[in-house]
């Protein structure tokens, strides 16, 4: 099984919602690190 993700420093809100709706993890910058932007309702898509 494979899961997907997108990452970016600046991500438009519409883009992150689209990616989440497609089942992708969304990785965003958080200070000197990164974090997942997905909420608790997120269900990842697997291929």
C-alpha atoms as a PDB file:
ATOM      1  CA  UNK A   1       0.000   0.000   0.000  1.00  0.00           C
ATOM      2  CA  UNK A   2       1.046   3.546  -0.712  1.00  0.00           C
ATOM      3  CA  UNK A   3      -0.135   6.822   0.836  1.00  0.00           C
ATOM      4  CA  UNK A   4       0.542  10.263  -0.606  1.00  0.00           C
ATOM      5  CA  UNK A   5       1.398  13.704   0.731  1.00  0.00           C
ATOM      6  CA  UNK A   6       1.992  17.237  -0.461  1.00  0.00           C
ATOM      7  CA  UNK A   7       4.284  19.733   1.246  1.00  0.00           C
ATOM      8  CA  UNK A   8       4.900  23.426   0.908  1.00  0.00           C
ATOM      9  CA  UNK A   9       6.065  26.540   2.679  1.00  0.00           C
ATOM     10  CA  UNK A  10       3.094  28.635   1.541  1.00  0.00           C
ATOM     11  CA  UNK A  11      -0.075  26.726   0.687  1.00  0.00           C
ATOM     12  CA  UNK A  12      -3.313  28.368  -0.402  1.00  0.00           C
ATOM     13  CA  UNK A  13      -6.271  27.232   1.732  1.00  0.00           C
ATOM     14  CA  UNK A  14      -8.142  25.958  -1.328  1.00  0.00           C
ATOM     15  CA  UNK A  15      -5.168  23.820  -2.325  1.00  0.00           C
ATOM     16  CA  UNK A  16      -4.803  22.169   1.076  1.00  0.00           C
ATOM     17  CA  UNK A  17      -8.540  21.424   1.252  1.00  0.00           C
ATOM     18  CA  UNK A  18      -8.410  19.898  -2.232  1.00  0.00           C
ATOM     19  CA  UNK A  19      -5.426  17.719  -1.278  1.00  0.00           C
ATOM     20  CA  UNK A  20      -7.129  16.564   1.933  1.00  0.00           C
ATOM     21  CA  UNK A  21     -10.336  15.749   0.040  1.00  0.00           C
ATOM     22  CA  UNK A  22      -8.226  13.644  -2.337  1.00  0.00           C
ATOM     23  CA  UNK A  23      -6.866  11.691   0.652  1.00  0.00           C
ATOM     24  CA  UNK A  24      -3.392  13.248   0.727  1.00  0.00           C
ATOM     25  CA  UNK A  25      -1.522  14.258   3.853  1.00  0.00           C
ATOM     26  CA  UNK A  26      -0.731  17.996   3.868  1.00  0.00           C
ATOM     27  CA  UNK A  27       2.626  18.975   5.388  1.00  0.00           C
ATOM     28  CA  UNK A  28       3.156  22.650   6.268  1.00  0.00           C
ATOM     29  CA  UNK A  29       5.944  24.698   7.792  1.00  0.00           C
ATOM     30  CA  UNK A  30       5.761  25.333  11.539  1.00  0.00           C
ATOM     31  CA  UNK A  31       8.624  27.498  12.752  1.00  0.00           C
ATOM     32  CA  UNK A  32      11.867  25.616  12.142  1.00  0.00           C
ATOM     33  CA  UNK A  33      10.018  22.339  11.628  1.00  0.00           C
ATOM     34  CA  UNK A  34       6.987  20.935   9.792  1.00  0.00           C
ATOM     35  CA  UNK A  35       3.600  19.592  10.874  1.00  0.00           C
ATOM     36  CA  UNK A  36       0.593  17.826   9.399  1.00  0.00           C
ATOM     37  CA  UNK A  37      -2.297  20.168   8.617  1.00  0.00           C
ATOM     38  CA  UNK A  38      -4.863  17.350   8.424  1.00  0.00           C
ATOM     39  CA  UNK A  39      -7.583  17.325  11.082  1.00  0.00           C
ATOM     40  CA  UNK A  40      -8.885  14.409  13.145  1.00  0.00           C
ATOM     41  CA  UNK A  41     -11.585  13.584  10.562  1.00  0.00           C
ATOM     42  CA  UNK A  42      -9.023  13.002   7.800  1.00  0.00           C
ATOM     43  CA  UNK A  43      -8.989   9.557   6.187  1.00  0.00           C
ATOM     44  CA  UNK A  44      -5.904   8.898   4.029  1.00  0.00           C
ATOM     45  CA  UNK A  45      -6.370   7.324   0.629  1.00  0.00           C
ATOM     46  CA  UNK A  46      -4.340   4.222  -0.121  1.00  0.00           C
ATOM     47  CA  UNK A  47      -3.373   2.820  -3.504  1.00  0.00           C
END
